Amino acid sequence: MTKVIIRTGVVKGFFERARKVAQKADSGEPISRSETITFEGPQEKDVALSGGAGKGRGA
């Protein structure tokens, strides 16, 4: 089963997480299977998760 992580964050955090995963891969450590969805702020997250993301845009 794939773990899904939903968070708010900035680009710097994305690259920090990617660097840690790359270091694990380089050292042969197992990498946990997960999907991360990151939004810039709480408002974007709320709109996307409420189902209102496509409303009013011809969707």
Protein backbone atom coordinates (compact mmCIF):
# COMPACT_ATOMS: atom_id res chain seq x y z
CA MET A 1 0.00 0.00 0.00
CA THR A 2 1.25 3.47 -0.84
CA LYS A 3 1.28 6.11 1.89
CA VAL A 4 -0.05 9.51 0.76
CA ILE A 5 1.22 12.63 2.53
CA ILE A 6 -0.62 15.94 2.06
CA ARG A 7 1.14 19.05 3.34
CA THR A 8 1.82 22.71 2.80
CA GLY A 9 5.36 23.82 2.11
CA VAL A 10 7.86 25.66 -0.01
CA VAL A 11 10.24 24.62 -2.77
CA LYS A 12 13.18 24.46 -0.35
CA GLY A 13 11.43 21.69 1.59
CA PHE A 14 10.87 19.71 -1.60
CA PHE A 15 14.56 19.72 -2.41
CA GLU A 16 15.52 18.83 1.17
CA ARG A 17 13.25 15.76 1.05
CA ALA A 18 14.54 14.79 -2.40
CA ARG A 19 18.14 15.08 -1.19
CA LYS A 20 17.43 12.77 1.77
CA VAL A 21 15.84 10.16 -0.49
CA ALA A 22 18.81 10.36 -2.89
CA GLN A 23 21.23 9.86 0.00
CA LYS A 24 19.30 6.77 1.10
CA ALA A 25 19.40 5.41 -2.44
CA ASP A 26 23.13 6.07 -2.73
CA SER A 27 23.83 4.24 0.53
CA GLY A 28 21.59 1.29 -0.38
CA GLU A 29 19.02 1.96 2.34
CA PRO A 30 15.42 1.01 1.64
CA ILE A 31 13.17 3.88 0.56
CA SER A 32 9.62 3.85 1.87
CA ARG A 33 6.97 3.96 -0.81
CA SER A 34 4.92 7.15 -0.56
CA GLU A 35 3.34 9.93 -2.59
CA THR A 36 3.58 13.52 -1.36
CA ILE A 37 1.26 16.29 -2.49
CA THR A 38 2.46 19.72 -1.39
CA PHE A 39 0.48 22.93 -1.63
CA GLU A 40 1.87 26.45 -1.29
CA GLY A 41 -0.61 27.39 1.40
CA PRO A 42 -3.66 26.25 3.32
CA GLN A 43 -6.09 27.98 0.97
CA GLU A 44 -4.84 26.09 -2.10
CA LYS A 45 -4.98 22.83 -0.16
CA ASP A 46 -8.52 23.51 1.06
CA VAL A 47 -9.79 24.34 -2.43
CA ALA A 48 -8.22 21.25 -3.97
CA LEU A 49 -9.43 18.89 -1.27
CA SER A 50 -12.94 20.35 -1.07
CA GLY A 51 -13.68 19.40 -4.67
CA GLY A 52 -14.08 23.03 -5.69
CA ALA A 53 -10.85 23.13 -7.71
CA GLY A 54 -12.52 22.72 -11.11
CA LYS A 55 -15.76 24.60 -10.48
CA GLY A 56 -16.30 27.67 -12.59
CA ARG A 57 -13.52 26.76 -15.00
CA GLY A 58 -15.56 24.85 -17.54
CA ALA A 59 -15.00 21.55 -15.77
